N, C-alpha and C. Protein backbone atom coordinates (compact mmCIF):
# COMPACT_ATOMS: atom_id res chain seq x y z
N MET A 1 0.98 -1.05 -0.25
CA MET A 1 0.33 -0.23 0.07
C MET A 1 0.94 1.36 0.08
N LEU A 2 1.88 1.30 0.85
CA LEU A 2 2.78 2.40 1.11
C LEU A 2 3.22 2.38 -0.57
N GLN A 3 3.72 1.55 -1.04
CA GLN A 3 4.55 2.12 -2.53
C GLN A 3 3.28 2.42 -3.90
N GLN A 4 2.12 1.76 -3.61
CA GLN A 4 1.30 2.13 -4.57
C GLN A 4 0.76 4.03 -4.37
N SER A 5 0.91 4.22 -2.82
CA SER A 5 0.76 6.08 -2.98
C SER A 5 2.03 6.65 -2.69
N LEU A 6 3.36 5.99 -3.18
CA LEU A 6 4.30 6.60 -3.39
C LEU A 6 4.59 6.81 -4.59
N ALA A 7 3.81 5.88 -5.46
CA ALA A 7 3.89 6.00 -7.39
C ALA A 7 2.79 6.75 -7.53
N THR A 8 1.53 6.93 -6.77
CA THR A 8 0.52 7.96 -6.81
C THR A 8 1.33 9.56 -7.12
N GLN A 9 2.38 10.06 -6.15
CA GLN A 9 2.57 11.30 -5.75
C GLN A 9 2.99 11.96 -6.69
N ALA A 10 2.77 13.21 -6.76
CA ALA A 10 3.79 14.09 -7.87
C ALA A 10 4.79 14.31 -7.49
N PRO A 11 5.73 13.89 -8.70
CA PRO A 11 7.40 14.17 -8.61
C PRO A 11 7.39 15.35 -8.26
N VAL A 12 9.00 15.58 -7.45
CA VAL A 12 8.88 16.41 -6.58
C VAL A 12 10.52 17.40 -7.06
N LYS A 13 10.86 18.26 -7.22
CA LYS A 13 12.36 18.87 -7.53
C LYS A 13 13.35 17.91 -7.08
N VAL A 14 14.82 17.31 -7.35
CA VAL A 14 15.60 17.20 -6.44
C VAL A 14 17.10 17.91 -6.91
N SER A 15 17.74 18.00 -6.14
CA SER A 15 19.14 18.43 -6.56
C SER A 15 19.87 17.57 -7.33
N GLU A 16 20.36 15.98 -7.19
CA GLU A 16 20.67 15.29 -7.97
C GLU A 16 19.98 13.82 -8.07
N LYS A 17 19.90 12.98 -9.65
CA LYS A 17 19.63 11.80 -9.45
C LYS A 17 20.58 10.96 -10.33
N TRP A 18 20.90 10.11 -9.73
CA TRP A 18 22.03 9.05 -10.69
C TRP A 18 22.86 9.91 -11.22
N GLY A 19 23.28 10.73 -10.87
CA GLY A 19 24.50 11.70 -11.26
C GLY A 19 23.92 13.16 -12.04
N PHE A 20 22.61 12.92 -11.85
CA PHE A 20 22.32 14.06 -12.99
C PHE A 20 22.22 15.32 -11.80
N CYS A 21 22.36 16.43 -12.29
CA CYS A 21 22.46 17.44 -11.84
C CYS A 21 21.82 18.91 -12.46
N GLU A 22 21.34 20.12 -11.80
CA GLU A 22 20.75 21.35 -12.61
C GLU A 22 22.34 21.98 -13.33
N ASN A 23 21.71 22.94 -14.36
CA ASN A 23 22.79 23.58 -15.22
C ASN A 23 24.15 22.06 -15.63
N GLN A 24 23.42 20.88 -15.81
CA GLN A 24 24.26 20.11 -16.17
C GLN A 24 23.95 19.84 -18.04
N ARG A 25 25.40 20.25 -18.27
CA ARG A 25 25.14 19.78 -19.75
C ARG A 25 25.28 18.26 -20.39
N VAL A 26 24.44 17.66 -20.94
CA VAL A 26 24.06 16.43 -21.28
C VAL A 26 23.98 16.13 -22.98
N LEU A 27 24.40 14.84 -23.43
CA LEU A 27 23.59 14.33 -24.88
C LEU A 27 22.65 13.38 -24.67
N ALA A 28 21.69 14.01 -25.25
CA ALA A 28 20.49 13.48 -25.41
C ALA A 28 20.68 12.54 -26.75
N GLN A 29 20.03 11.65 -26.55
CA GLN A 29 19.77 10.22 -27.91
C GLN A 29 18.90 9.64 -28.06
N ASP A 30 18.47 10.14 -29.49
CA ASP A 30 16.74 9.75 -29.94
C ASP A 30 17.84 8.12 -30.73
N VAL A 31 16.87 7.05 -30.12
CA VAL A 31 17.48 5.36 -30.71
C VAL A 31 16.66 4.97 -31.81
N LYS A 32 15.81 5.70 -32.06
CA LYS A 32 14.66 5.75 -33.43
C LYS A 32 15.56 5.32 -34.81
N PRO A 33 15.49 6.70 -35.10
CA PRO A 33 16.37 6.59 -36.55
C PRO A 33 17.28 5.76 -36.71
N TRP A 34 17.92 5.63 -37.95
CA TRP A 34 19.20 4.64 -38.06
C TRP A 34 20.14 5.94 -39.03
N PRO A 35 21.14 6.76 -38.65
CA PRO A 35 21.99 6.14 -37.38
C PRO A 35 21.11 7.17 -36.04
N PRO A 36 21.26 6.72 -34.88
CA PRO A 36 20.37 6.99 -33.74
C PRO A 36 20.85 8.76 -33.98
N GLN A 37 20.21 10.03 -33.65
CA GLN A 37 20.73 11.03 -33.38
C GLN A 37 20.77 11.96 -32.18
N HIS A 38 21.87 12.88 -32.12
CA HIS A 38 21.86 13.38 -30.29
C HIS A 38 22.23 14.66 -30.62
N TYR A 39 21.75 15.39 -29.47
CA TYR A 39 21.05 16.99 -29.68
C TYR A 39 21.70 17.25 -28.02
N ASN A 40 22.27 18.22 -28.07
CA ASN A 40 22.97 18.60 -26.36
C ASN A 40 22.33 19.46 -25.73
N PRO A 41 21.31 19.41 -25.02
CA PRO A 41 20.81 19.93 -24.31
C PRO A 41 21.14 20.38 -22.50
N THR A 42 20.92 21.06 -22.06
CA THR A 42 21.39 21.40 -20.46
C THR A 42 20.01 21.49 -19.89
N ILE A 43 20.60 20.50 -18.29
CA ILE A 43 19.46 20.50 -17.56
C ILE A 43 18.68 21.47 -16.55
N ILE A 44 17.71 21.73 -16.49
CA ILE A 44 17.20 22.53 -15.86
C ILE A 44 16.84 22.49 -14.27
N TRP A 45 15.67 21.23 -14.49
CA TRP A 45 15.62 20.88 -12.96
C TRP A 45 15.59 19.18 -13.52
N VAL A 46 16.22 18.30 -12.17
CA VAL A 46 16.05 16.73 -12.36
C VAL A 46 14.29 16.75 -11.09
N TRP A 47 13.95 16.08 -11.61
CA TRP A 47 12.74 15.23 -10.82
C TRP A 47 12.86 13.63 -10.33
N SER A 48 12.15 13.94 -9.26
CA SER A 48 12.27 12.22 -8.07
C SER A 48 12.08 11.31 -9.33
N ASP A 49 11.23 11.63 -10.45
CA ASP A 49 10.71 10.49 -11.19
C ASP A 49 11.82 9.74 -12.21
N ALA A 50 12.76 10.30 -12.14
CA ALA A 50 13.90 10.12 -12.95
C ALA A 50 13.51 10.53 -14.29
N THR A 51 13.15 12.18 -14.57
CA THR A 51 13.28 13.07 -15.39
C THR A 51 13.53 13.66 -15.42
N ALA A 52 13.52 14.70 -16.45
CA ALA A 52 14.39 16.41 -16.09
C ALA A 52 13.95 17.22 -17.23
N THR A 53 13.66 18.57 -16.68
CA THR A 53 13.38 19.57 -17.29
C THR A 53 14.55 19.78 -18.21
N VAL A 54 14.79 19.89 -19.26
CA VAL A 54 15.87 20.28 -20.53
C VAL A 54 15.91 21.18 -21.17
N LYS A 55 17.06 22.11 -21.25
CA LYS A 55 16.58 23.30 -22.59
C LYS A 55 17.76 22.83 -23.72
N PHE A 56 17.28 22.23 -24.74
CA PHE A 56 17.78 21.88 -26.01
C PHE A 56 18.60 23.28 -26.96
N ASP A 57 20.08 23.21 -27.25
CA ASP A 57 20.55 24.21 -27.99
C ASP A 57 19.46 24.78 -28.88
N HIS A 58 19.26 23.60 -29.72
CA HIS A 58 18.39 24.46 -30.54
C HIS A 58 16.64 23.43 -31.00
N ASP A 59 15.99 23.81 -31.95
CA ASP A 59 14.76 23.50 -31.79
C ASP A 59 14.89 21.94 -32.41
N LEU A 60 13.80 21.03 -31.53
CA LEU A 60 14.40 19.19 -32.14
C LEU A 60 13.44 19.62 -33.09
N PRO A 61 13.85 18.57 -34.49
CA PRO A 61 12.50 18.11 -35.00
C PRO A 61 11.37 17.19 -34.60
N TYR A 62 10.42 17.50 -34.89
CA TYR A 62 8.96 17.26 -34.67
C TYR A 62 9.16 15.40 -33.96
N ASP A 63 9.46 14.76 -34.71
CA ASP A 63 9.28 13.39 -34.24
C ASP A 63 10.23 13.00 -33.52
N ALA A 64 11.54 13.30 -33.23
CA ALA A 64 12.42 13.39 -31.87
C ALA A 64 11.81 14.01 -30.50
N GLU A 65 11.53 15.11 -30.83
CA GLU A 65 10.54 16.24 -29.87
C GLU A 65 9.53 15.05 -29.03
N ARG A 66 8.84 14.49 -30.03
CA ARG A 66 7.61 13.46 -29.65
C ARG A 66 8.01 12.20 -29.01
N ARG A 67 9.49 11.50 -29.33
CA ARG A 67 9.94 10.72 -28.87
C ARG A 67 10.81 10.99 -27.52
N LEU A 68 11.08 11.43 -27.29
CA LEU A 68 12.00 12.09 -26.27
C LEU A 68 11.20 12.85 -24.88
N VAL A 69 10.51 13.42 -25.41
CA VAL A 69 10.07 14.90 -24.77
C VAL A 69 8.55 14.04 -24.31
N GLN A 70 7.83 14.09 -22.90
CA GLN A 70 6.91 13.64 -22.31
C GLN A 70 6.48 14.46 -20.94
N SER A 71 5.08 15.60 -21.55
CA SER A 71 4.97 16.37 -20.05
C SER A 71 5.85 17.18 -19.97
N ASP A 72 6.65 17.67 -20.74
CA ASP A 72 7.78 18.77 -20.83
C ASP A 72 9.20 18.55 -19.92
N ARG A 73 9.17 17.00 -20.10
CA ARG A 73 10.33 16.19 -19.08
C ARG A 73 11.23 14.87 -19.98
N VAL A 74 11.87 14.76 -20.14
CA VAL A 74 12.83 13.82 -20.62
C VAL A 74 13.22 12.91 -20.05
N GLU A 75 13.05 11.54 -19.99
CA GLU A 75 13.42 10.67 -18.93
C GLU A 75 15.05 10.49 -19.17
N LEU A 76 15.70 10.27 -17.59
CA LEU A 76 17.30 10.03 -18.24
C LEU A 76 17.69 9.31 -18.42
N HIS A 77 17.12 8.38 -18.72
CA HIS A 77 17.70 7.20 -19.55
C HIS A 77 18.16 7.66 -20.61
N HIS A 78 17.72 8.32 -21.61
CA HIS A 78 17.63 8.77 -22.66
C HIS A 78 18.94 10.06 -22.63
N LEU A 79 19.57 10.64 -21.63
CA LEU A 79 20.66 10.96 -21.61
C LEU A 79 21.72 10.70 -20.85
N THR A 80 22.85 11.27 -21.51
CA THR A 80 24.22 10.77 -20.92
C THR A 80 25.04 12.13 -20.68
N ARG A 81 25.47 11.82 -19.01
CA ARG A 81 26.42 12.52 -18.68
C ARG A 81 27.62 13.15 -19.75
N ILE A 82 28.29 14.30 -19.79
CA ILE A 82 28.78 14.52 -20.56
C ILE A 82 30.19 14.94 -19.59
N PRO A 83 31.67 14.42 -19.68
CA PRO A 83 32.68 14.87 -18.63
C PRO A 83 33.05 16.05 -19.03
N SER A 84 33.17 16.78 -17.40
CA SER A 84 33.60 18.33 -17.86
C SER A 84 34.74 17.99 -17.54
């Protein structure tokens, strides 16, 4: 019952999740097309549900945006940290 309650809670902003944090440059990968397409966003916020609000350097093609962005957020498994 507790797990079900936690799963239905709205996500909250967190300072870090899985090594991703605010103001971090990352690589977003859309694996549907061949070859996979890469985009360079910056993380604005990280959320407790393993998603991030990001700002892309350039407008995304419609199909890539549809695959990567859900409810204005990108799932962290689509992102790769870039070493600084």
